[in-house]
Amino acid sequence: MFLFLALLDSPEEQEKFTEIYEQYRHFMWYVANQKLQDAHLAEDAVQEAFLALIRHFDKVEEVHSPRTKKFLATIVRSKAADILRKVKPEEELNEYAANERGGGDILEQYLTKENYHDLISCVLELEDHYRVIFEYKYMYEMGDAEIGDILGISAKNVNVRYFRARKKLQKMIQKEGGRFEHA
C-alpha cells in the first residue's frame, strides 16, 4: 500500500485512498477471484485495479457510496479479464468494417424511459469486454482515451469495441423484438 500512497500528491488524497483501500480491498479480491478462480491472480488483479484507480482518482467523490463500489468493481473486473486474456489468449480483434450506411440506429429508437430496463438487461448480457465499455462511457461519462487507459488498450480499440457492442445490442433487440414494444 505504501507504493500507492507514494503516487498520490496530498495527505488528503492519501487518507482518502487508505480509506478506500481498507473499505474495498476484500470486496475487490472477491470480485476478481469470482472471475479468475485463482487467489494469487485475484490479488494481482486487485493491485492493478488500485494502480488504475490512482490514475483516475478524481472520479471518486465519496468513499462510502454505491457509485464508488460499482466503479471499483468495474475496474477490478476489467483487470481480471486482462489477466485471463494473458493466461488464456483469445483471438486477436479483427479490424472492423466501416460504419453501416443508411437505416437509422435501432438503439436510438429504444432509448426511452419505458425500455430503459430492457436495454440495461441486454447490456448486462454482453461479454465483459463489451459491457465494461458501456459502463465507463455511460455511467462514468468517460472518453475513449480515459477508458483505454484503464483497460490498457488504445482509444481506437475502445471505439472498435463500442461499435461492435452496439451492433450486438442491435441484433439482440431485433431478435427480442417483443421485449421493446413500448417505443
N, C-alpha and C. Protein backbone atom coordinates (compact mmCIF):
# COMPACT_ATOMS: atom_id res chain seq x y z
N MET A 1 0.83 -1.19 0.00
CA MET A 1 0.00 0.00 0.00
C MET A 1 0.87 1.26 0.00
N PHE A 2 2.06 1.18 0.54
CA PHE A 2 2.93 2.36 0.60
C PHE A 2 3.30 2.85 -0.79
N LEU A 3 3.46 1.94 -1.72
CA LEU A 3 3.75 2.32 -3.10
C LEU A 3 2.61 3.18 -3.65
N PHE A 4 1.39 2.76 -3.41
CA PHE A 4 0.23 3.52 -3.89
C PHE A 4 0.20 4.91 -3.26
N LEU A 5 0.44 4.98 -1.97
CA LEU A 5 0.41 6.27 -1.27
C LEU A 5 1.48 7.22 -1.79
N ALA A 6 2.62 6.67 -2.17
CA ALA A 6 3.70 7.49 -2.70
C ALA A 6 3.33 8.13 -4.03
N LEU A 7 2.38 7.53 -4.74
CA LEU A 7 1.95 8.05 -6.04
C LEU A 7 0.94 9.19 -5.92
N LEU A 8 0.43 9.42 -4.74
CA LEU A 8 -0.57 10.47 -4.53
C LEU A 8 0.10 11.75 -4.03
N ASP A 9 -0.48 12.88 -4.38
CA ASP A 9 0.14 14.17 -4.10
C ASP A 9 -0.07 14.70 -2.69
N SER A 10 -1.28 14.70 -2.23
CA SER A 10 -1.58 15.39 -0.97
C SER A 10 -1.91 14.39 0.14
N PRO A 11 -1.77 14.83 1.38
CA PRO A 11 -2.16 13.99 2.53
C PRO A 11 -3.66 13.65 2.49
N GLU A 12 -4.49 14.57 1.97
CA GLU A 12 -5.93 14.31 1.87
C GLU A 12 -6.19 13.15 0.92
N GLU A 13 -5.51 13.15 -0.24
CA GLU A 13 -5.66 12.05 -1.20
C GLU A 13 -5.17 10.74 -0.60
N GLN A 14 -4.05 10.80 0.12
CA GLN A 14 -3.51 9.60 0.74
C GLN A 14 -4.48 9.04 1.78
N GLU A 15 -5.09 9.92 2.54
CA GLU A 15 -6.06 9.48 3.55
C GLU A 15 -7.29 8.86 2.88
N LYS A 16 -7.77 9.50 1.82
CA LYS A 16 -8.92 9.00 1.08
C LYS A 16 -8.60 7.65 0.45
N PHE A 17 -7.40 7.51 -0.12
CA PHE A 17 -7.01 6.24 -0.72
C PHE A 17 -6.93 5.14 0.33
N THR A 18 -6.35 5.45 1.49
CA THR A 18 -6.24 4.47 2.57
C THR A 18 -7.63 4.00 2.99
N GLU A 19 -8.55 4.92 3.07
CA GLU A 19 -9.93 4.58 3.44
C GLU A 19 -10.57 3.67 2.39
N ILE A 20 -10.36 4.00 1.11
CA ILE A 20 -10.88 3.17 0.02
C ILE A 20 -10.25 1.79 0.07
N TYR A 21 -8.94 1.77 0.25
CA TYR A 21 -8.20 0.50 0.30
C TYR A 21 -8.75 -0.40 1.41
N GLU A 22 -8.87 0.15 2.59
CA GLU A 22 -9.36 -0.63 3.73
C GLU A 22 -10.82 -1.07 3.53
N GLN A 23 -11.63 -0.19 2.98
CA GLN A 23 -13.06 -0.47 2.80
C GLN A 23 -13.33 -1.52 1.72
N TYR A 24 -12.57 -1.48 0.61
CA TYR A 24 -12.95 -2.26 -0.56
C TYR A 24 -11.98 -3.35 -1.00
N ARG A 25 -10.82 -3.49 -0.39
CA ARG A 25 -9.84 -4.46 -0.91
C ARG A 25 -10.36 -5.89 -0.88
N HIS A 26 -11.06 -6.27 0.19
CA HIS A 26 -11.59 -7.64 0.26
C HIS A 26 -12.70 -7.84 -0.77
N PHE A 27 -13.55 -6.86 -0.91
CA PHE A 27 -14.62 -6.91 -1.92
C PHE A 27 -14.02 -7.06 -3.32
N MET A 28 -12.99 -6.25 -3.60
CA MET A 28 -12.36 -6.30 -4.93
C MET A 28 -11.70 -7.66 -5.17
N TRP A 29 -11.07 -8.20 -4.14
CA TRP A 29 -10.46 -9.53 -4.29
C TRP A 29 -11.53 -10.57 -4.59
N TYR A 30 -12.65 -10.48 -3.90
CA TYR A 30 -13.75 -11.42 -4.13
C TYR A 30 -14.25 -11.33 -5.57
N VAL A 31 -14.44 -10.12 -6.07
CA VAL A 31 -14.90 -9.93 -7.45
C VAL A 31 -13.89 -10.53 -8.42
N ALA A 32 -12.62 -10.25 -8.21
CA ALA A 32 -11.57 -10.77 -9.10
C ALA A 32 -11.49 -12.29 -9.02
N ASN A 33 -11.60 -12.83 -7.82
CA ASN A 33 -11.50 -14.28 -7.64
C ASN A 33 -12.68 -15.01 -8.28
N GLN A 34 -13.85 -14.38 -8.28
CA GLN A 34 -15.00 -14.97 -8.94
C GLN A 34 -14.71 -15.21 -10.42
N LYS A 35 -14.02 -14.28 -11.03
CA LYS A 35 -13.73 -14.35 -12.45
C LYS A 35 -12.53 -15.26 -12.73
N LEU A 36 -11.49 -15.14 -11.91
CA LEU A 36 -10.23 -15.83 -12.17
C LEU A 36 -10.13 -17.22 -11.56
N GLN A 37 -10.85 -17.45 -10.48
CA GLN A 37 -10.80 -18.73 -9.77
C GLN A 37 -9.38 -19.08 -9.33
N ASP A 38 -8.61 -18.06 -8.97
CA ASP A 38 -7.23 -18.26 -8.51
C ASP A 38 -6.89 -17.11 -7.56
N ALA A 39 -6.59 -17.45 -6.31
CA ALA A 39 -6.37 -16.42 -5.28
C ALA A 39 -5.19 -15.51 -5.61
N HIS A 40 -4.12 -16.08 -6.13
CA HIS A 40 -2.94 -15.26 -6.44
C HIS A 40 -3.19 -14.32 -7.62
N LEU A 41 -3.85 -14.83 -8.64
CA LEU A 41 -4.18 -13.98 -9.78
C LEU A 41 -5.18 -12.90 -9.38
N ALA A 42 -6.09 -13.25 -8.48
CA ALA A 42 -7.06 -12.26 -7.99
C ALA A 42 -6.33 -11.13 -7.26
N GLU A 43 -5.32 -11.48 -6.48
CA GLU A 43 -4.53 -10.47 -5.78
C GLU A 43 -3.83 -9.55 -6.78
N ASP A 44 -3.30 -10.13 -7.86
CA ASP A 44 -2.67 -9.33 -8.92
C ASP A 44 -3.67 -8.37 -9.55
N ALA A 45 -4.87 -8.86 -9.80
CA ALA A 45 -5.91 -8.02 -10.41
C ALA A 45 -6.26 -6.85 -9.49
N VAL A 46 -6.33 -7.10 -8.19
CA VAL A 46 -6.65 -6.04 -7.23
C VAL A 46 -5.54 -4.99 -7.23
N GLN A 47 -4.30 -5.43 -7.24
CA GLN A 47 -3.18 -4.48 -7.26
C GLN A 47 -3.21 -3.61 -8.52
N GLU A 48 -3.45 -4.24 -9.66
CA GLU A 48 -3.54 -3.48 -10.92
C GLU A 48 -4.73 -2.53 -10.90
N ALA A 49 -5.82 -2.96 -10.28
CA ALA A 49 -7.00 -2.10 -10.18
C ALA A 49 -6.71 -0.86 -9.32
N PHE A 50 -5.98 -1.04 -8.23
CA PHE A 50 -5.63 0.11 -7.39
C PHE A 50 -4.70 1.08 -8.13
N LEU A 51 -3.80 0.55 -8.94
CA LEU A 51 -2.95 1.43 -9.76
C LEU A 51 -3.79 2.22 -10.75
N ALA A 52 -4.75 1.55 -11.37
CA ALA A 52 -5.65 2.24 -12.31
C ALA A 52 -6.49 3.29 -11.58
N LEU A 53 -6.90 2.96 -10.37
CA LEU A 53 -7.69 3.91 -9.57
C LEU A 53 -6.90 5.19 -9.31
N ILE A 54 -5.63 5.06 -9.02
CA ILE A 54 -4.80 6.25 -8.75
C ILE A 54 -4.77 7.15 -9.97
N ARG A 55 -4.71 6.58 -11.16
CA ARG A 55 -4.69 7.39 -12.39
C ARG A 55 -6.01 8.13 -12.58
N HIS A 56 -7.09 7.59 -12.02
CA HIS A 56 -8.42 8.20 -12.19
C HIS A 56 -9.05 8.50 -10.84
N PHE A 57 -8.22 8.92 -9.91
CA PHE A 57 -8.67 9.15 -8.54
C PHE A 57 -9.71 10.26 -8.46
N ASP A 58 -9.68 11.18 -9.41
CA ASP A 58 -10.64 12.28 -9.42
C ASP A 58 -12.07 11.81 -9.69
N LYS A 59 -12.25 10.58 -10.18
CA LYS A 59 -13.58 10.05 -10.45
C LYS A 59 -14.30 9.61 -9.17
N VAL A 60 -13.54 9.45 -8.08
CA VAL A 60 -14.13 9.01 -6.82
C VAL A 60 -14.46 10.24 -5.98
N GLU A 61 -15.75 10.46 -5.78
CA GLU A 61 -16.19 11.60 -5.00
C GLU A 61 -16.31 11.24 -3.52
N GLU A 62 -17.08 10.20 -3.24
CA GLU A 62 -17.30 9.78 -1.86
C GLU A 62 -16.81 8.35 -1.70
N VAL A 63 -16.14 8.07 -0.60
CA VAL A 63 -15.59 6.74 -0.36
C VAL A 63 -16.71 5.73 -0.16
N HIS A 64 -17.67 6.06 0.67
CA HIS A 64 -18.73 5.11 1.03
C HIS A 64 -19.99 5.39 0.20
N SER A 65 -19.92 5.02 -1.07
CA SER A 65 -21.10 5.20 -1.92
C SER A 65 -21.23 4.02 -2.88
N PRO A 66 -22.45 3.70 -3.27
CA PRO A 66 -22.64 2.62 -4.24
C PRO A 66 -21.92 2.89 -5.56
N ARG A 67 -21.85 4.14 -5.95
CA ARG A 67 -21.18 4.50 -7.20
C ARG A 67 -19.69 4.15 -7.13
N THR A 68 -19.04 4.44 -6.01
CA THR A 68 -17.63 4.11 -5.84
C THR A 68 -17.43 2.60 -5.86
N LYS A 69 -18.30 1.89 -5.17
CA LYS A 69 -18.20 0.43 -5.14
C LYS A 69 -18.35 -0.15 -6.54
N LYS A 70 -19.30 0.35 -7.29
CA LYS A 70 -19.52 -0.11 -8.66
C LYS A 70 -18.32 0.23 -9.55
N PHE A 71 -17.78 1.42 -9.39
CA PHE A 71 -16.61 1.85 -10.16
C PHE A 71 -15.43 0.92 -9.90
N LEU A 72 -15.18 0.62 -8.63
CA LEU A 72 -14.07 -0.27 -8.27
C LEU A 72 -14.31 -1.69 -8.79
N ALA A 73 -15.55 -2.16 -8.72
CA ALA A 73 -15.87 -3.49 -9.24
C ALA A 73 -15.63 -3.55 -10.74
N THR A 74 -15.99 -2.49 -11.44
CA THR A 74 -15.79 -2.44 -12.88
C THR A 74 -14.30 -2.48 -13.22
N ILE A 75 -13.51 -1.71 -12.50
CA ILE A 75 -12.07 -1.69 -12.75
C ILE A 75 -11.46 -3.06 -12.48
N VAL A 76 -11.78 -3.66 -11.34
CA VAL A 76 -11.15 -4.93 -10.99
C VAL A 76 -11.62 -6.05 -11.93
N ARG A 77 -12.89 -6.00 -12.38
CA ARG A 77 -13.35 -6.98 -13.37
C ARG A 77 -12.56 -6.85 -14.66
N SER A 78 -12.32 -5.63 -15.05
CA SER A 78 -11.56 -5.36 -16.27
C SER A 78 -10.13 -5.89 -16.14
N LYS A 79 -9.51 -5.65 -15.01
CA LYS A 79 -8.14 -6.12 -14.79
C LYS A 79 -8.10 -7.64 -14.72
N ALA A 80 -9.11 -8.25 -14.13
CA ALA A 80 -9.19 -9.71 -14.08
C ALA A 80 -9.34 -10.29 -15.49
N ALA A 81 -10.15 -9.63 -16.31
CA ALA A 81 -10.32 -10.07 -17.70
C ALA A 81 -9.01 -9.95 -18.46
N ASP A 82 -8.24 -8.88 -18.20
CA ASP A 82 -6.93 -8.73 -18.82
C ASP A 82 -6.01 -9.89 -18.45
N ILE A 83 -6.02 -10.25 -17.18
CA ILE A 83 -5.18 -11.36 -16.71
C ILE A 83 -5.63 -12.66 -17.36
N LEU A 84 -6.94 -12.87 -17.46
CA LEU A 84 -7.45 -14.07 -18.12
C LEU A 84 -6.98 -14.14 -19.57
N ARG A 85 -7.01 -13.00 -20.25
CA ARG A 85 -6.56 -12.98 -21.64
C ARG A 85 -5.08 -13.35 -21.75
N LYS A 86 -4.29 -12.93 -20.78
CA LYS A 86 -2.87 -13.27 -20.79
C LYS A 86 -2.66 -14.75 -20.50
N VAL A 87 -3.48 -15.28 -19.58
CA VAL A 87 -3.36 -16.68 -19.22
C VAL A 87 -3.95 -17.57 -20.31
N LYS A 88 -5.08 -17.19 -20.83
CA LYS A 88 -5.76 -17.93 -21.90
C LYS A 88 -5.98 -16.98 -23.06
N PRO A 89 -4.98 -16.80 -23.92
CA PRO A 89 -5.11 -15.82 -25.00
C PRO A 89 -6.32 -16.10 -25.90
N GLU A 90 -7.04 -15.04 -26.20
CA GLU A 90 -8.17 -15.12 -27.12
C GLU A 90 -7.68 -14.72 -28.51
N GLU A 91 -8.51 -14.93 -29.49
CA GLU A 91 -8.17 -14.48 -30.84
C GLU A 91 -8.05 -12.97 -30.84
N GLU A 92 -7.15 -12.47 -31.65
CA GLU A 92 -6.99 -11.03 -31.78
C GLU A 92 -8.25 -10.41 -32.38
N LEU A 93 -8.51 -9.18 -32.00
CA LEU A 93 -9.66 -8.48 -32.58
C LEU A 93 -9.44 -8.24 -34.06
N ASN A 94 -10.46 -8.47 -34.84
CA ASN A 94 -10.38 -8.18 -36.27
C ASN A 94 -10.61 -6.70 -36.50
N GLU A 95 -10.08 -6.19 -37.59
CA GLU A 95 -10.37 -4.79 -37.93
C GLU A 95 -11.84 -4.69 -38.29
N TYR A 96 -12.51 -3.69 -37.79
CA TYR A 96 -13.94 -3.57 -38.06
C TYR A 96 -14.19 -2.83 -39.37
N ALA A 97 -15.34 -3.17 -39.95
CA ALA A 97 -15.71 -2.57 -41.23
C ALA A 97 -16.20 -1.15 -41.02
N ALA A 98 -16.33 -0.42 -42.08
CA ALA A 98 -16.82 0.96 -41.99
C ALA A 98 -18.24 0.95 -41.42
N ASN A 99 -18.63 2.06 -40.81
CA ASN A 99 -19.96 2.16 -40.20
C ASN A 99 -21.05 1.82 -41.21
N GLU A 100 -22.07 1.15 -40.68
CA GLU A 100 -23.20 0.78 -41.53
C GLU A 100 -23.86 2.04 -42.10
N ARG A 101 -24.21 1.98 -43.36
CA ARG A 101 -24.81 3.17 -44.00
C ARG A 101 -26.33 3.07 -44.03
N GLY A 102 -26.92 4.20 -43.90
CA GLY A 102 -28.37 4.29 -44.03
C GLY A 102 -29.12 3.65 -42.89
N GLY A 103 -30.41 3.57 -42.95
CA GLY A 103 -31.29 2.90 -41.99
C GLY A 103 -31.29 3.47 -40.60
N GLY A 104 -31.25 4.24 -39.92
CA GLY A 104 -31.23 4.71 -38.58
C GLY A 104 -30.76 3.68 -37.56
N ASP A 105 -30.38 4.13 -36.48
CA ASP A 105 -29.82 3.32 -35.42
C ASP A 105 -30.95 2.80 -34.53
N ILE A 106 -31.09 1.49 -34.48
CA ILE A 106 -32.18 0.88 -33.71
C ILE A 106 -32.03 1.17 -32.21
N LEU A 107 -30.79 1.31 -31.73
CA LEU A 107 -30.60 1.62 -30.31
C LEU A 107 -31.21 2.97 -29.94
N GLU A 108 -31.06 3.93 -30.83
CA GLU A 108 -31.62 5.25 -30.56
C GLU A 108 -33.13 5.19 -30.41
N GLN A 109 -33.77 4.29 -31.16
CA GLN A 109 -35.22 4.15 -31.09
C GLN A 109 -35.66 3.59 -29.74
N TYR A 110 -34.79 2.82 -29.09
CA TYR A 110 -35.19 2.15 -27.86
C TYR A 110 -34.69 2.85 -26.60
N LEU A 111 -34.03 3.96 -26.76
CA LEU A 111 -33.57 4.70 -25.58
C LEU A 111 -34.69 5.57 -25.04
N THR A 112 -35.73 4.92 -24.60
CA THR A 112 -36.86 5.62 -23.99
C THR A 112 -36.98 5.14 -22.55
N LYS A 113 -37.68 5.88 -21.76
CA LYS A 113 -37.84 5.53 -20.35
C LYS A 113 -38.49 4.15 -20.19
N GLU A 114 -39.45 3.84 -21.01
CA GLU A 114 -40.17 2.56 -20.90
C GLU A 114 -39.25 1.38 -21.18
N ASN A 115 -38.30 1.55 -22.08
CA ASN A 115 -37.44 0.45 -22.49
C ASN A 115 -36.09 0.43 -21.79
N TYR A 116 -35.85 1.37 -20.94
CA TYR A 116 -34.55 1.50 -20.29
C TYR A 116 -34.11 0.21 -19.60
N HIS A 117 -34.99 -0.38 -18.79
CA HIS A 117 -34.62 -1.58 -18.04
C HIS A 117 -34.37 -2.77 -18.97
N ASP A 118 -35.14 -2.88 -20.03
CA ASP A 118 -34.91 -3.95 -21.00
C ASP A 118 -33.56 -3.76 -21.69
N LEU A 119 -33.25 -2.54 -22.03
CA LEU A 119 -31.98 -2.25 -22.68
C LEU A 119 -30.82 -2.56 -21.74
N ILE A 120 -30.95 -2.18 -20.48
CA ILE A 120 -29.91 -2.46 -19.49
C ILE A 120 -29.72 -3.97 -19.35
N SER A 121 -30.78 -4.73 -19.34
CA SER A 121 -30.64 -6.18 -19.23
C SER A 121 -29.90 -6.76 -20.44
N CYS A 122 -30.10 -6.18 -21.60
CA CYS A 122 -29.35 -6.61 -22.78
C CYS A 122 -27.87 -6.25 -22.65
N VAL A 123 -27.59 -5.05 -22.15
CA VAL A 123 -26.20 -4.64 -21.95
C VAL A 123 -25.52 -5.60 -20.99
N LEU A 124 -26.22 -6.01 -19.93
CA LEU A 124 -25.63 -6.92 -18.95
C LEU A 124 -25.36 -8.31 -19.52
N GLU A 125 -26.04 -8.64 -20.63
CA GLU A 125 -25.81 -9.93 -21.28
C GLU A 125 -24.59 -9.92 -22.19
N LEU A 126 -24.06 -8.74 -22.49
CA LEU A 126 -22.88 -8.63 -23.34
C LEU A 126 -21.67 -9.25 -22.66
N GLU A 127 -20.70 -9.69 -23.47
CA GLU A 127 -19.44 -10.18 -22.92
C GLU A 127 -18.78 -9.03 -22.15
N ASP A 128 -17.96 -9.37 -21.16
CA ASP A 128 -17.34 -8.37 -20.29
C ASP A 128 -16.60 -7.29 -21.05
N HIS A 129 -15.83 -7.67 -22.07
CA HIS A 129 -15.01 -6.67 -22.76
C HIS A 129 -15.86 -5.67 -23.55
N TYR A 130 -17.12 -6.00 -23.82
CA TYR A 130 -18.03 -5.04 -24.44
C TYR A 130 -18.82 -4.28 -23.37
N ARG A 131 -19.32 -5.01 -22.38
CA ARG A 131 -20.15 -4.41 -21.34
C ARG A 131 -19.40 -3.31 -20.58
N VAL A 132 -18.13 -3.55 -20.27
CA VAL A 132 -17.36 -2.59 -19.49
C VAL A 132 -17.21 -1.27 -20.24
N ILE A 133 -17.14 -1.31 -21.55
CA ILE A 133 -17.06 -0.08 -22.36
C ILE A 133 -18.32 0.76 -22.13
N PHE A 134 -19.48 0.12 -22.17
CA PHE A 134 -20.74 0.85 -21.92
C PHE A 134 -20.77 1.42 -20.51
N GLU A 135 -20.32 0.66 -19.52
CA GLU A 135 -20.34 1.15 -18.15
C GLU A 135 -19.48 2.40 -18.01
N TYR A 136 -18.26 2.35 -18.53
CA TYR A 136 -17.38 3.51 -18.42
C TYR A 136 -17.94 4.70 -19.20
N LYS A 137 -18.46 4.43 -20.39
CA LYS A 137 -18.91 5.51 -21.27
C LYS A 137 -20.17 6.20 -20.73
N TYR A 138 -21.13 5.42 -20.27
CA TYR A 138 -22.41 5.99 -19.88
C TYR A 138 -22.58 6.21 -18.39
N MET A 139 -22.04 5.35 -17.56
CA MET A 139 -22.19 5.54 -16.12
C MET A 139 -21.20 6.56 -15.58
N TYR A 140 -19.98 6.51 -16.12
CA TYR A 140 -18.93 7.39 -15.60
C TYR A 140 -18.56 8.50 -16.57
N GLU A 141 -19.25 8.54 -17.70
CA GLU A 141 -19.09 9.58 -18.71
C GLU A 141 -17.62 9.81 -19.07
N MET A 142 -16.93 8.71 -19.31
CA MET A 142 -15.52 8.78 -19.66
C MET A 142 -15.35 8.76 -21.17
N GLY A 143 -14.29 9.37 -21.64
CA GLY A 143 -13.96 9.39 -23.06
C GLY A 143 -13.19 8.14 -23.45
N ASP A 144 -13.03 7.93 -24.75
CA ASP A 144 -12.33 6.76 -25.26
C ASP A 144 -10.90 6.66 -24.73
N ALA A 145 -10.19 7.78 -24.67
CA ALA A 145 -8.80 7.76 -24.21
C ALA A 145 -8.72 7.36 -22.73
N GLU A 146 -9.63 7.88 -21.91
CA GLU A 146 -9.65 7.52 -20.48
C GLU A 146 -9.96 6.04 -20.30
N ILE A 147 -10.95 5.56 -21.04
CA ILE A 147 -11.33 4.16 -20.95
C ILE A 147 -10.16 3.28 -21.39
N GLY A 148 -9.54 3.67 -22.50
CA GLY A 148 -8.39 2.92 -23.00
C GLY A 148 -7.27 2.86 -21.99
N ASP A 149 -7.05 3.95 -21.28
CA ASP A 149 -6.00 3.99 -20.26
C ASP A 149 -6.29 2.98 -19.15
N ILE A 150 -7.53 2.93 -18.70
CA ILE A 150 -7.91 1.99 -17.63
C ILE A 150 -7.81 0.55 -18.12
N LEU A 151 -8.27 0.31 -19.34
CA LEU A 151 -8.30 -1.06 -19.86
C LEU A 151 -6.96 -1.49 -20.46
N GLY A 152 -6.06 -0.55 -20.65
CA GLY A 152 -4.76 -0.88 -21.23
C GLY A 152 -4.83 -1.13 -22.73
N ILE A 153 -5.76 -0.45 -23.40
CA ILE A 153 -5.90 -0.56 -24.86
C ILE A 153 -5.93 0.84 -25.45
N SER A 154 -5.83 0.91 -26.76
CA SER A 154 -5.85 2.22 -27.41
C SER A 154 -7.27 2.79 -27.46
N ALA A 155 -7.36 4.10 -27.64
CA ALA A 155 -8.66 4.75 -27.78
C ALA A 155 -9.39 4.21 -29.01
N LYS A 156 -8.64 3.91 -30.06
CA LYS A 156 -9.25 3.35 -31.27
C LYS A 156 -9.86 1.98 -30.98
N ASN A 157 -9.16 1.18 -30.18
CA ASN A 157 -9.68 -0.13 -29.82
C ASN A 157 -10.95 0.00 -28.97
N VAL A 158 -10.99 1.01 -28.11
CA VAL A 158 -12.20 1.28 -27.32
C VAL A 158 -13.35 1.57 -28.28
N ASN A 159 -13.08 2.41 -29.28
CA ASN A 159 -14.10 2.76 -30.26
C ASN A 159 -14.56 1.53 -31.04
N VAL A 160 -13.63 0.65 -31.38
CA VAL A 160 -13.97 -0.59 -32.09
C VAL A 160 -14.89 -1.45 -31.23
N ARG A 161 -14.53 -1.62 -29.96
CA ARG A 161 -15.36 -2.43 -29.07
C ARG A 161 -16.74 -1.81 -28.87
N TYR A 162 -16.77 -0.50 -28.76
CA TYR A 162 -18.05 0.19 -28.61
C TYR A 162 -18.93 -0.04 -29.85
N PHE A 163 -18.34 0.10 -31.02
CA PHE A 163 -19.06 -0.12 -32.28
C PHE A 163 -19.60 -1.55 -32.34
N ARG A 164 -18.76 -2.51 -32.00
CA ARG A 164 -19.18 -3.93 -32.03
C ARG A 164 -20.25 -4.21 -30.99
N ALA A 165 -20.11 -3.62 -29.82
CA ALA A 165 -21.11 -3.82 -28.77
C ALA A 165 -22.46 -3.27 -29.21
N ARG A 166 -22.47 -2.11 -29.85
CA ARG A 166 -23.72 -1.53 -30.35
C ARG A 166 -24.36 -2.45 -31.38
N LYS A 167 -23.55 -3.02 -32.26
CA LYS A 167 -24.08 -3.95 -33.27
C LYS A 167 -24.70 -5.18 -32.60
N LYS A 168 -24.02 -5.71 -31.59
CA LYS A 168 -24.56 -6.86 -30.87
C LYS A 168 -25.87 -6.51 -30.18
N LEU A 169 -25.92 -5.32 -29.56
CA LEU A 169 -27.15 -4.89 -28.91
C LEU A 169 -28.28 -4.73 -29.92
N GLN A 170 -27.97 -4.18 -31.08
CA GLN A 170 -28.99 -4.02 -32.11
C GLN A 170 -29.55 -5.38 -32.52
N LYS A 171 -28.68 -6.36 -32.68
CA LYS A 171 -29.14 -7.71 -33.04
C LYS A 171 -29.98 -8.32 -31.93
N MET A 172 -29.56 -8.11 -30.68
CA MET A 172 -30.32 -8.63 -29.54
C MET A 172 -31.71 -8.01 -29.51
N ILE A 173 -31.78 -6.72 -29.76
CA ILE A 173 -33.06 -6.01 -29.74
C ILE A 173 -33.95 -6.51 -30.87
N GLN A 174 -33.40 -6.65 -32.05
CA GLN A 174 -34.19 -7.14 -33.17
C GLN A 174 -34.68 -8.57 -32.91
N LYS A 175 -33.83 -9.39 -32.34
CA LYS A 175 -34.18 -10.78 -32.05
C LYS A 175 -35.27 -10.86 -30.98
N GLU A 176 -35.17 -9.98 -29.99
CA GLU A 176 -36.11 -9.96 -28.88
C GLU A 176 -37.25 -8.98 -29.11
N GLY A 177 -37.48 -8.58 -30.31
CA GLY A 177 -38.44 -7.54 -30.69
C GLY A 177 -39.60 -7.31 -29.75
N GLY A 178 -40.23 -8.33 -29.28
CA GLY A 178 -41.39 -8.19 -28.42
C GLY A 178 -41.10 -7.52 -27.09
N ARG A 179 -39.85 -7.61 -26.62
CA ARG A 179 -39.50 -7.02 -25.33
C ARG A 179 -39.53 -5.50 -25.39
N PHE A 180 -39.48 -4.92 -26.60
CA PHE A 180 -39.33 -3.48 -26.72
C PHE A 180 -40.50 -2.86 -27.48
N GLU A 181 -41.69 -3.28 -27.18
CA GLU A 181 -42.84 -2.79 -27.92
C GLU A 181 -43.30 -1.40 -27.50
N HIS A 182 -42.82 -0.88 -26.40
CA HIS A 182 -43.29 0.41 -25.92
C HIS A 182 -42.78 1.59 -26.73
N ALA A 183 -41.77 1.40 -27.53
CA ALA A 183 -41.14 2.52 -28.22
C ALA A 183 -42.05 3.12 -29.28
